[in-house]
Amino acid sequence: MIRLQCYKCRQWIEFEDKIVRSDTCPHCDSDLRCCRNCRFHDPGYHNECRESISEYIEDRGKANFCSSFMVREGEAPEGEDQDAAKAMLEALFKK
């Protein structure tokens, strides 16, 4: 049993089998097999990944073919939703 908290909506999802590239969150429809749901994703590292062999991924919230993908265990890190952060910055600097 795989249990994952979606990085975007923070809802818990359970899977009987592995997560494949086409799987999406049943709550917010975001891609699940993406960097932000991977245990190696870390914004503080080069390429935002703790795996040195990973290729460059432009959009960390979209499904990709990275061979290093492993489901993140535990809760999604706070403050990972870049859409919300961008919206707050746009509201702050609105003319």
N, C-alpha and C. Protein backbone atom coordinates (compact mmCIF):
# COMPACT_ATOMS: atom_id res chain seq x y z
N MET A 1 0.85 -1.19 0.00
CA MET A 1 0.00 0.00 0.00
C MET A 1 0.89 1.24 0.00
N ILE A 2 0.63 2.14 -0.93
CA ILE A 2 1.36 3.41 -1.01
C ILE A 2 0.43 4.51 -0.51
N ARG A 3 0.93 5.35 0.38
CA ARG A 3 0.16 6.46 0.91
C ARG A 3 0.95 7.74 0.64
N LEU A 4 0.32 8.68 -0.05
CA LEU A 4 0.99 9.91 -0.47
C LEU A 4 0.10 11.10 -0.17
N GLN A 5 0.72 12.18 0.30
CA GLN A 5 0.00 13.44 0.46
C GLN A 5 0.34 14.30 -0.75
N CYS A 6 -0.67 14.67 -1.52
CA CYS A 6 -0.47 15.48 -2.72
C CYS A 6 0.20 16.80 -2.35
N TYR A 7 1.26 17.15 -3.11
CA TYR A 7 1.99 18.39 -2.83
C TYR A 7 1.11 19.62 -3.03
N LYS A 8 0.12 19.54 -3.91
CA LYS A 8 -0.67 20.72 -4.27
C LYS A 8 -1.86 20.95 -3.34
N CYS A 9 -2.71 19.93 -3.16
CA CYS A 9 -3.92 20.12 -2.34
C CYS A 9 -3.78 19.55 -0.93
N ARG A 10 -2.68 18.81 -0.67
CA ARG A 10 -2.35 18.25 0.63
C ARG A 10 -3.34 17.18 1.10
N GLN A 11 -4.13 16.63 0.19
CA GLN A 11 -5.04 15.53 0.51
C GLN A 11 -4.27 14.20 0.44
N TRP A 12 -4.64 13.26 1.30
CA TRP A 12 -3.99 11.95 1.30
C TRP A 12 -4.61 11.04 0.25
N ILE A 13 -3.76 10.27 -0.42
CA ILE A 13 -4.18 9.36 -1.48
C ILE A 13 -3.53 8.01 -1.21
N GLU A 14 -4.27 6.93 -1.39
CA GLU A 14 -3.72 5.59 -1.20
C GLU A 14 -3.76 4.82 -2.51
N PHE A 15 -2.67 4.08 -2.78
CA PHE A 15 -2.54 3.28 -3.99
C PHE A 15 -2.22 1.84 -3.61
N GLU A 16 -2.77 0.92 -4.36
CA GLU A 16 -2.46 -0.49 -4.15
C GLU A 16 -1.14 -0.85 -4.82
N ASP A 17 -0.84 -0.19 -5.93
CA ASP A 17 0.33 -0.51 -6.72
C ASP A 17 1.17 0.75 -6.88
N LYS A 18 2.19 0.71 -7.73
CA LYS A 18 3.05 1.87 -7.93
C LYS A 18 2.32 3.00 -8.64
N ILE A 19 2.86 4.20 -8.52
CA ILE A 19 2.31 5.38 -9.19
C ILE A 19 2.92 5.44 -10.58
N VAL A 20 2.08 5.58 -11.59
CA VAL A 20 2.55 5.66 -12.97
C VAL A 20 2.41 7.10 -13.47
N ARG A 21 3.04 7.39 -14.58
CA ARG A 21 3.09 8.76 -15.12
C ARG A 21 1.72 9.38 -15.35
N SER A 22 0.74 8.59 -15.69
CA SER A 22 -0.60 9.13 -16.00
C SER A 22 -1.49 9.32 -14.77
N ASP A 23 -1.04 8.93 -13.59
CA ASP A 23 -1.86 9.07 -12.38
C ASP A 23 -1.99 10.53 -11.97
N THR A 24 -3.21 10.90 -11.62
CA THR A 24 -3.46 12.27 -11.14
C THR A 24 -4.18 12.22 -9.81
N CYS A 25 -4.12 13.31 -9.08
CA CYS A 25 -4.77 13.41 -7.78
C CYS A 25 -6.29 13.41 -7.99
N PRO A 26 -7.03 12.58 -7.29
CA PRO A 26 -8.48 12.57 -7.45
C PRO A 26 -9.16 13.81 -6.87
N HIS A 27 -8.43 14.60 -6.09
CA HIS A 27 -8.99 15.79 -5.45
C HIS A 27 -8.75 17.08 -6.26
N CYS A 28 -7.53 17.22 -6.82
CA CYS A 28 -7.20 18.46 -7.53
C CYS A 28 -6.72 18.24 -8.96
N ASP A 29 -6.63 17.00 -9.39
CA ASP A 29 -6.25 16.62 -10.75
C ASP A 29 -4.81 16.97 -11.12
N SER A 30 -3.95 17.20 -10.13
CA SER A 30 -2.54 17.46 -10.45
C SER A 30 -1.81 16.15 -10.67
N ASP A 31 -0.72 16.20 -11.43
CA ASP A 31 0.07 15.00 -11.70
C ASP A 31 0.71 14.50 -10.40
N LEU A 32 0.70 13.18 -10.21
CA LEU A 32 1.28 12.61 -9.00
C LEU A 32 2.72 12.14 -9.18
N ARG A 33 3.06 11.67 -10.37
CA ARG A 33 4.43 11.19 -10.60
C ARG A 33 5.26 12.38 -11.11
N CYS A 34 5.50 13.30 -10.18
CA CYS A 34 6.25 14.51 -10.50
C CYS A 34 7.30 14.75 -9.42
N CYS A 35 8.20 15.65 -9.69
CA CYS A 35 9.30 15.93 -8.76
C CYS A 35 8.81 16.31 -7.36
N ARG A 36 7.78 17.09 -7.29
CA ARG A 36 7.31 17.58 -5.98
C ARG A 36 6.73 16.48 -5.11
N ASN A 37 6.42 15.33 -5.67
CA ASN A 37 5.96 14.20 -4.88
C ASN A 37 7.05 13.14 -4.73
N CYS A 38 8.27 13.47 -5.09
CA CYS A 38 9.40 12.53 -5.03
C CYS A 38 10.21 12.75 -3.76
N ARG A 39 10.73 11.66 -3.20
CA ARG A 39 11.54 11.76 -1.97
C ARG A 39 12.86 12.48 -2.21
N PHE A 40 13.33 12.58 -3.44
CA PHE A 40 14.60 13.23 -3.74
C PHE A 40 14.45 14.73 -4.04
N HIS A 41 13.23 15.23 -4.16
CA HIS A 41 13.04 16.66 -4.45
C HIS A 41 13.47 17.49 -3.25
N ASP A 42 14.34 18.45 -3.53
CA ASP A 42 14.83 19.35 -2.48
C ASP A 42 15.26 20.66 -3.14
N PRO A 43 14.49 21.74 -2.95
CA PRO A 43 14.80 23.02 -3.60
C PRO A 43 16.18 23.56 -3.27
N GLY A 44 16.80 23.11 -2.19
CA GLY A 44 18.12 23.59 -1.80
C GLY A 44 19.28 22.95 -2.55
N TYR A 45 19.00 21.93 -3.33
CA TYR A 45 20.04 21.22 -4.07
C TYR A 45 20.10 21.70 -5.52
N HIS A 46 21.26 21.46 -6.16
CA HIS A 46 21.39 21.75 -7.59
C HIS A 46 20.32 20.96 -8.34
N ASN A 47 19.64 21.58 -9.26
CA ASN A 47 18.58 20.95 -10.05
C ASN A 47 17.39 20.55 -9.17
N GLU A 48 17.35 21.06 -7.94
CA GLU A 48 16.27 20.77 -6.98
C GLU A 48 16.10 19.28 -6.72
N CYS A 49 17.21 18.52 -6.82
CA CYS A 49 17.14 17.07 -6.66
C CYS A 49 18.37 16.56 -5.93
N ARG A 50 18.17 15.65 -4.96
CA ARG A 50 19.28 15.06 -4.23
C ARG A 50 19.95 13.93 -5.00
N GLU A 51 19.40 13.54 -6.13
CA GLU A 51 20.01 12.53 -6.99
C GLU A 51 20.89 13.24 -8.01
N SER A 52 22.15 12.91 -8.07
CA SER A 52 23.07 13.60 -8.97
C SER A 52 22.91 13.18 -10.43
N ILE A 53 22.23 12.06 -10.68
CA ILE A 53 22.09 11.59 -12.05
C ILE A 53 20.82 12.09 -12.73
N SER A 54 19.99 12.83 -12.00
CA SER A 54 18.71 13.25 -12.58
C SER A 54 18.89 14.30 -13.66
N GLU A 55 18.08 14.20 -14.70
CA GLU A 55 18.11 15.17 -15.79
C GLU A 55 17.35 16.43 -15.37
N TYR A 56 17.57 17.52 -16.10
CA TYR A 56 16.88 18.77 -15.77
C TYR A 56 15.39 18.65 -16.10
N ILE A 57 14.55 19.02 -15.14
CA ILE A 57 13.10 19.03 -15.31
C ILE A 57 12.65 20.49 -15.17
N GLU A 58 12.03 21.02 -16.19
CA GLU A 58 11.64 22.43 -16.17
C GLU A 58 10.50 22.71 -15.19
N ASP A 59 9.43 21.93 -15.26
CA ASP A 59 8.27 22.14 -14.39
C ASP A 59 8.18 20.98 -13.40
N ARG A 60 8.51 21.24 -12.16
CA ARG A 60 8.58 20.21 -11.11
C ARG A 60 7.21 19.68 -10.70
N GLY A 61 6.14 20.33 -11.11
CA GLY A 61 4.80 19.89 -10.76
C GLY A 61 4.11 19.08 -11.85
N LYS A 62 4.79 18.84 -12.96
CA LYS A 62 4.22 18.08 -14.09
C LYS A 62 4.82 16.69 -14.14
N ALA A 63 4.07 15.75 -14.67
CA ALA A 63 4.55 14.37 -14.82
C ALA A 63 5.79 14.35 -15.71
N ASN A 64 6.72 13.45 -15.39
CA ASN A 64 7.94 13.33 -16.18
C ASN A 64 8.40 11.88 -16.21
N PHE A 65 9.50 11.65 -16.90
CA PHE A 65 10.02 10.29 -17.09
C PHE A 65 11.28 10.03 -16.26
N CYS A 66 11.52 10.77 -15.21
CA CYS A 66 12.72 10.62 -14.40
C CYS A 66 12.81 9.20 -13.85
N SER A 67 13.94 8.55 -14.10
CA SER A 67 14.13 7.16 -13.64
C SER A 67 14.44 7.08 -12.15
N SER A 68 14.73 8.21 -11.50
CA SER A 68 15.05 8.23 -10.07
C SER A 68 13.82 8.41 -9.19
N PHE A 69 12.64 8.60 -9.78
CA PHE A 69 11.44 8.91 -8.99
C PHE A 69 11.15 7.83 -7.96
N MET A 70 10.96 8.28 -6.71
CA MET A 70 10.50 7.41 -5.62
C MET A 70 9.49 8.22 -4.82
N VAL A 71 8.38 7.61 -4.46
CA VAL A 71 7.31 8.31 -3.76
C VAL A 71 7.82 8.87 -2.42
N ARG A 72 7.52 10.13 -2.18
CA ARG A 72 7.88 10.77 -0.92
C ARG A 72 7.05 10.16 0.21
N GLU A 73 7.69 9.88 1.32
CA GLU A 73 6.98 9.35 2.48
C GLU A 73 6.65 10.49 3.43
N GLY A 74 5.53 10.38 4.11
CA GLY A 74 5.15 11.40 5.08
C GLY A 74 4.42 12.57 4.44
N GLU A 75 4.29 13.62 5.23
CA GLU A 75 3.55 14.80 4.78
C GLU A 75 4.35 15.61 3.77
N ALA A 76 3.61 16.28 2.90
CA ALA A 76 4.24 17.19 1.93
C ALA A 76 4.81 18.38 2.70
N PRO A 77 5.99 18.84 2.32
CA PRO A 77 6.58 20.01 2.99
C PRO A 77 5.68 21.23 2.88
N GLU A 78 5.66 22.03 3.93
CA GLU A 78 4.88 23.27 3.92
C GLU A 78 5.45 24.25 2.91
N GLY A 79 4.57 25.06 2.33
CA GLY A 79 5.01 26.13 1.47
C GLY A 79 5.51 25.70 0.11
N GLU A 80 5.14 24.53 -0.36
CA GLU A 80 5.61 24.06 -1.65
C GLU A 80 4.75 24.52 -2.80
N ASP A 81 3.60 25.06 -2.53
CA ASP A 81 2.70 25.44 -3.61
C ASP A 81 3.14 26.78 -4.20
N GLN A 82 3.88 26.74 -5.29
CA GLN A 82 4.41 27.95 -5.90
C GLN A 82 3.31 28.81 -6.51
N ASP A 83 2.20 28.21 -6.92
CA ASP A 83 1.10 28.98 -7.48
C ASP A 83 0.56 29.96 -6.44
N ALA A 84 0.42 29.50 -5.21
CA ALA A 84 -0.08 30.37 -4.14
C ALA A 84 0.93 31.49 -3.85
N ALA A 85 2.21 31.15 -3.84
CA ALA A 85 3.25 32.16 -3.59
C ALA A 85 3.27 33.21 -4.69
N LYS A 86 3.15 32.79 -5.94
CA LYS A 86 3.13 33.74 -7.05
C LYS A 86 1.91 34.65 -6.97
N ALA A 87 0.77 34.09 -6.60
CA ALA A 87 -0.45 34.90 -6.49
C ALA A 87 -0.30 35.96 -5.40
N MET A 88 0.33 35.60 -4.29
CA MET A 88 0.54 36.57 -3.21
C MET A 88 1.49 37.68 -3.65
N LEU A 89 2.55 37.33 -4.37
CA LEU A 89 3.48 38.35 -4.86
C LEU A 89 2.82 39.28 -5.88
N GLU A 90 2.02 38.72 -6.76
CA GLU A 90 1.32 39.54 -7.75
C GLU A 90 0.35 40.49 -7.06
N ALA A 91 -0.34 40.04 -6.02
CA ALA A 91 -1.26 40.90 -5.30
C ALA A 91 -0.50 42.00 -4.56
N LEU A 92 0.68 41.68 -4.06
CA LEU A 92 1.48 42.65 -3.34
C LEU A 92 1.98 43.77 -4.26
N PHE A 93 2.37 43.41 -5.46
CA PHE A 93 2.94 44.39 -6.39
C PHE A 93 1.96 44.88 -7.45
N LYS A 94 0.69 44.63 -7.23
CA LYS A 94 -0.34 45.09 -8.18
C LYS A 94 -0.40 46.60 -8.19
N LYS A 95 -0.51 47.15 -9.37
CA LYS A 95 -0.55 48.62 -9.49
C LYS A 95 -1.96 49.13 -9.47
